[in-house]
Protein backbone atom coordinates (compact mmCIF):
# COMPACT_ATOMS: atom_id res chain seq x y z
CA MET A 1 33.79 87.29 133.42
CA THR A 2 35.57 89.76 131.57
CA PRO A 3 35.49 89.90 128.04
CA LEU A 4 39.34 88.44 127.52
CA HIS A 5 38.00 86.02 129.48
CA VAL A 6 34.89 84.75 126.99
CA VAL A 7 37.68 84.56 124.22
CA GLY A 8 40.30 82.17 125.91
CA ASP A 9 37.25 79.68 126.56
CA PHE A 10 36.47 79.54 123.11
CA LEU A 11 39.60 79.42 121.49
CA ARG A 12 40.83 77.63 124.57
CA SER A 13 38.08 75.01 123.69
CA TRP A 14 38.71 75.23 119.32
CA LEU A 15 41.85 74.12 120.01
CA LEU A 16 41.13 71.31 121.56
CA ARG A 17 38.94 69.59 119.08
CA VAL A 18 43.01 69.44 116.25
CA PRO A 19 43.79 66.02 117.43
CA LEU A 20 47.42 65.41 118.96
CA GLU A 21 48.12 63.14 116.27
CA ALA A 22 48.07 66.36 113.44
CA VAL A 23 49.28 68.42 115.52
CA GLN A 24 53.22 66.72 115.41
CA VAL A 25 52.61 65.45 112.31
CA LEU A 26 52.96 69.44 111.55
CA PHE A 27 55.37 69.77 114.06
CA VAL A 28 57.45 67.82 112.19
CA LEU A 29 56.65 69.16 109.33
CA LEU A 30 57.24 72.90 109.14
CA PRO A 31 60.94 72.06 109.93
CA THR A 32 61.11 70.37 106.27
CA VAL A 33 59.55 72.25 104.63
CA LEU A 34 61.64 74.83 105.98
CA LEU A 35 65.07 72.50 105.50
CA ILE A 36 64.10 71.55 102.18
CA TRP A 37 64.17 75.61 101.74
CA VAL A 38 67.32 76.23 102.90
CA LEU A 39 69.15 73.65 101.30
CA ARG A 40 67.64 75.31 98.31
CA LEU A 41 68.82 79.12 98.81
CA PRO A 42 71.68 79.71 95.94
CA ARG A 43 74.71 80.46 97.81
CA SER A 44 75.27 83.98 96.83
CA GLU A 45 72.55 84.28 99.15
CA THR A 46 74.01 82.39 102.30
CA THR A 47 77.30 83.48 101.95
CA PRO A 48 78.96 87.42 102.88
CA PRO A 49 80.37 89.58 99.05
CA ASP A 50 83.64 89.78 100.46
CA GLY A 51 83.72 85.79 102.25
CA HIS A 52 87.65 84.52 101.99
CA GLY A 53 85.58 80.72 101.80
CA GLY A 54 85.79 79.83 105.01
CA TRP A 55 83.93 76.52 106.24
CA SER A 56 82.09 79.66 108.44
CA GLU A 57 80.53 81.42 105.79
CA ASN A 58 77.29 78.99 104.52
CA LEU A 59 75.40 80.28 107.37
CA LYS A 60 73.08 77.06 105.78
CA PHE A 61 75.42 74.74 107.74
CA GLY A 62 74.96 76.15 110.32
CA ALA A 63 71.24 76.67 110.13
CA ALA A 64 70.18 72.81 108.03
CA LEU A 65 72.10 71.57 111.09
CA ALA A 66 69.69 73.35 113.64
CA LEU A 67 67.04 71.97 111.89
CA LEU A 68 67.76 68.33 111.41
CA ILE A 69 68.28 68.71 114.98
CA GLN A 70 65.06 70.70 115.44
CA ILE A 71 63.31 68.26 112.54
CA ALA A 72 65.00 64.95 115.13
CA ILE A 73 63.84 65.69 118.78
CA TYR A 74 60.55 66.49 116.77
CA ALA A 75 60.09 62.65 115.58
CA LEU A 76 61.53 60.89 119.16
CA MET A 77 59.25 63.04 121.29
CA GLY A 78 56.41 63.14 118.96
């Protein structure tokens, strides 16, 4: 058995001790926290400096939509 097998077995046994419910909560909580952070970003940080006012300039909308879809999938599949 190589040293990598020993390390892999140790990591596997350690990670199997983590309850599945905790992992599911983290999978929903992490994108939720990221969504809150994205929504709180100032407009100057999410739009190009030479913008012309188009609807696709503000990157918050796309990021928020992607995160909401991800949260919904994780919440429904968990």
